[in-house]
Amino acid sequence: MEWLSTPEPSKATSMLPALMHGSGLRSRLVTKLFRLAIRREQHMNKSTPQRVTVAIDAMTKLLSVYSGVPVSIRELSKTSVSISYLEQIFSVLRGAGLIVGSRGPGGGYSPCSTSMTVADVIRGLNPGGFLSAPSVLSALETVSIDSLIDRETGKPFEGYCTGNNVGWREGW
């Protein structure tokens, strides 16, 4: 278990597929080790998971309301996230080529593509550590941002994070 104390939490995720096949005891052990790796990552950089969650929520909202006209940052920050925090995140995403910003009256943000994945957003933020592990990114490559929008209401499923529980709920 010395890999938990190394600065490379991706070792934990690279061992995950090999350990997943096996007995119930082994899968419980893998689950426990996986949680330890996540906690270690969160302890080292506490803002990373929140930053990624906010970015995915914001990109989902952007894609749900985008109709060819740039969307203002005020419209996207109608939740508990401050405008300045969202501007910091969008600055990074703009530098990664995921969105385009325009200034002035009628300005705002537009997505560069309407078919981006959760992995694209994470790569754009370049959080490092556990979230940048190839096994995590390859799994998230199959989840499109568009799939996080409720087809019936046209609104995104809004992310939330409370304590150790991370999930999705409707509305915004």
Protein backbone atom coordinates (compact mmCIF):
# COMPACT_ATOMS: atom_id res chain seq x y z
CA MET A 1 0.00 0.00 0.00
CA GLU A 2 2.96 2.32 -0.32
CA TRP A 3 1.39 3.78 -3.47
CA LEU A 4 -1.10 5.69 -1.28
CA SER A 5 1.75 7.74 0.11
CA THR A 6 3.32 8.47 -3.28
CA PRO A 7 2.49 11.67 -5.17
CA GLU A 8 0.96 9.55 -7.97
CA PRO A 9 -2.64 8.64 -7.10
CA SER A 10 -3.04 7.37 -10.68
CA LYS A 11 -1.33 4.15 -9.53
CA ALA A 12 -4.49 3.44 -7.57
CA THR A 13 -6.65 3.75 -10.65
CA SER A 14 -4.26 1.75 -12.85
CA MET A 15 -4.55 -1.16 -10.40
CA LEU A 16 -8.33 -0.92 -10.29
CA PRO A 17 -9.26 -2.98 -13.40
CA ALA A 18 -7.00 -5.88 -12.37
CA LEU A 19 -8.41 -5.95 -8.85
CA MET A 20 -12.06 -5.63 -9.84
CA HIS A 21 -12.31 -9.29 -10.92
CA GLY A 22 -12.53 -11.50 -7.88
CA SER A 23 -14.27 -12.27 -4.66
CA GLY A 24 -16.55 -10.03 -2.62
CA LEU A 25 -13.76 -9.47 -0.12
CA ARG A 26 -11.46 -8.28 -2.89
CA SER A 27 -14.08 -5.89 -4.29
CA ARG A 28 -14.69 -4.44 -0.80
CA LEU A 29 -10.94 -3.94 -0.42
CA VAL A 30 -10.75 -2.26 -3.83
CA THR A 31 -13.65 0.01 -2.92
CA LYS A 32 -11.96 0.99 0.33
CA LEU A 33 -8.61 1.67 -1.40
CA PHE A 34 -10.35 3.65 -4.12
CA ARG A 35 -12.07 5.83 -1.49
CA LEU A 36 -8.74 6.36 0.27
CA ALA A 37 -7.18 7.51 -3.00
CA ILE A 38 -10.07 9.92 -3.59
CA ARG A 39 -9.81 11.34 -0.05
CA ARG A 40 -6.06 11.76 -0.45
CA GLU A 41 -6.59 13.63 -3.70
CA GLN A 42 -9.25 15.86 -2.16
CA HIS A 43 -7.02 16.57 0.83
CA MET A 44 -4.10 17.59 -1.41
CA ASN A 45 -6.21 19.91 -3.55
CA LYS A 46 -9.52 20.62 -1.86
CA SER A 47 -10.90 22.91 -4.55
CA THR A 48 -10.37 20.54 -7.50
CA PRO A 49 -13.51 18.36 -7.13
CA GLN A 50 -15.69 21.43 -6.57
CA ARG A 51 -14.12 23.25 -9.51
CA VAL A 52 -14.75 20.28 -11.81
CA THR A 53 -18.36 19.94 -10.59
CA VAL A 54 -19.04 23.65 -11.12
CA ALA A 55 -17.45 23.53 -14.60
CA ILE A 56 -19.57 20.54 -15.66
CA ASP A 57 -22.73 22.17 -14.29
CA ALA A 58 -21.93 25.45 -16.06
CA MET A 59 -21.17 23.74 -19.38
CA THR A 60 -24.42 21.77 -19.10
CA LYS A 61 -26.36 25.00 -18.48
CA LEU A 62 -24.53 26.74 -21.33
CA LEU A 63 -25.44 23.98 -23.77
CA SER A 64 -29.05 23.84 -22.55
CA VAL A 65 -29.72 27.57 -23.07
CA TYR A 66 -27.44 28.24 -26.04
CA SER A 67 -29.43 29.05 -29.19
CA GLY A 68 -26.79 30.61 -31.41
CA VAL A 69 -26.56 33.76 -29.29
CA PRO A 70 -23.82 34.16 -26.64
CA VAL A 71 -25.06 33.46 -23.10
CA SER A 72 -24.15 35.97 -20.37
CA ILE A 73 -22.21 34.87 -17.32
CA ARG A 74 -25.00 36.32 -15.14
CA GLU A 75 -27.51 33.95 -16.69
CA LEU A 76 -25.19 31.01 -16.04
CA SER A 77 -24.44 31.97 -12.44
CA LYS A 78 -28.02 32.02 -11.17
CA THR A 79 -27.09 29.32 -8.66
CA SER A 80 -24.98 29.55 -5.53
CA VAL A 81 -21.77 30.07 -7.54
CA SER A 82 -20.43 33.61 -7.70
CA ILE A 83 -19.88 35.34 -11.01
CA SER A 84 -16.17 35.87 -10.33
CA TYR A 85 -15.62 32.15 -9.57
CA LEU A 86 -17.46 31.16 -12.75
CA GLU A 87 -15.41 33.70 -14.74
CA GLN A 88 -12.19 32.09 -13.44
CA ILE A 89 -13.37 28.66 -14.56
CA PHE A 90 -14.57 29.95 -17.94
CA SER A 91 -11.24 31.67 -18.48
CA VAL A 92 -9.51 28.29 -18.20
CA LEU A 93 -12.11 26.60 -20.44
CA ARG A 94 -11.73 29.40 -23.00
CA GLY A 95 -7.97 28.85 -23.00
CA ALA A 96 -8.59 25.14 -23.56
CA GLY A 97 -10.69 25.94 -26.63
CA LEU A 98 -13.99 24.62 -25.27
CA ILE A 99 -15.83 27.95 -25.28
CA VAL A 100 -15.58 31.33 -26.99
CA GLY A 101 -16.18 34.59 -25.16
CA SER A 102 -17.39 37.87 -26.63
CA ARG A 103 -17.38 41.25 -24.88
CA GLY A 104 -19.74 44.17 -24.92
CA PRO A 105 -23.51 44.47 -25.10
CA GLY A 106 -24.98 41.15 -26.19
CA GLY A 107 -21.72 39.45 -25.26
CA GLY A 108 -21.28 36.24 -23.38
CA TYR A 109 -20.05 32.72 -23.93
CA SER A 110 -20.70 30.23 -26.70
CA PRO A 111 -19.65 26.58 -26.84
CA CYS A 112 -17.10 25.71 -29.53
CA SER A 113 -18.85 22.38 -30.04
CA THR A 114 -22.23 21.03 -29.01
CA SER A 115 -20.86 17.49 -28.74
CA MET A 116 -18.39 17.64 -25.87
CA THR A 117 -17.92 15.08 -23.13
CA VAL A 118 -17.35 15.29 -19.39
CA ALA A 119 -13.78 14.12 -20.07
CA ASP A 120 -13.25 17.10 -22.41
CA VAL A 121 -14.22 19.51 -19.62
CA ILE A 122 -11.93 17.76 -17.12
CA ARG A 123 -9.05 17.82 -19.60
CA GLY A 124 -9.73 21.52 -20.19
CA LEU A 125 -9.38 22.24 -16.48
CA ASN A 126 -6.28 20.04 -16.24
CA PRO A 127 -6.86 19.24 -12.55
CA GLY A 128 -4.08 16.66 -12.27
CA GLY A 129 -4.08 13.71 -9.91
CA PHE A 130 -6.94 11.26 -9.69
CA LEU A 131 -9.28 13.11 -12.05
CA SER A 132 -6.67 13.08 -14.82
CA ALA A 133 -6.04 9.34 -14.58
CA PRO A 134 -6.41 7.66 -18.00
CA SER A 135 -8.88 5.08 -16.65
CA VAL A 136 -11.12 7.82 -15.23
CA LEU A 137 -10.98 9.93 -18.40
CA SER A 138 -11.66 6.96 -20.67
CA ALA A 139 -14.77 6.10 -18.64
CA LEU A 140 -15.98 9.72 -18.75
CA GLU A 141 -15.32 9.93 -22.49
CA THR A 142 -18.63 8.10 -22.99
CA VAL A 143 -20.67 10.69 -21.03
CA SER A 144 -21.63 13.62 -23.21
CA ILE A 145 -22.52 16.97 -21.66
CA ASP A 146 -25.67 16.88 -23.79
CA SER A 147 -26.76 13.66 -22.03
CA LEU A 148 -26.89 15.57 -18.72
CA ILE A 149 -29.80 17.68 -20.00
CA ASP A 150 -33.30 16.46 -19.17
CA ARG A 151 -35.13 15.99 -22.48
CA GLU A 152 -38.57 16.65 -20.98
CA THR A 153 -37.81 20.00 -19.37
CA GLY A 154 -34.85 21.10 -21.48
CA LYS A 155 -33.02 21.95 -18.24
CA PRO A 156 -29.85 20.34 -16.99
CA PHE A 157 -29.69 17.92 -14.13
CA GLU A 158 -27.92 20.08 -11.55
CA GLY A 159 -24.91 18.71 -9.74
CA TYR A 160 -24.55 18.85 -6.03
CA CYS A 161 -21.91 17.81 -3.56
CA THR A 162 -22.63 17.46 0.14
CA GLY A 163 -20.13 15.85 2.44
CA ASN A 164 -19.13 12.50 0.97
CA ASN A 165 -22.20 12.27 -1.28
CA VAL A 166 -21.89 13.41 -4.86
CA GLY A 167 -24.84 13.08 -7.19
CA TRP A 168 -27.32 14.75 -9.49
CA ARG A 169 -30.69 16.33 -8.87
CA GLU A 170 -33.21 17.98 -11.15
CA GLY A 171 -33.75 21.67 -11.72
CA TRP A 172 -31.88 24.94 -11.37
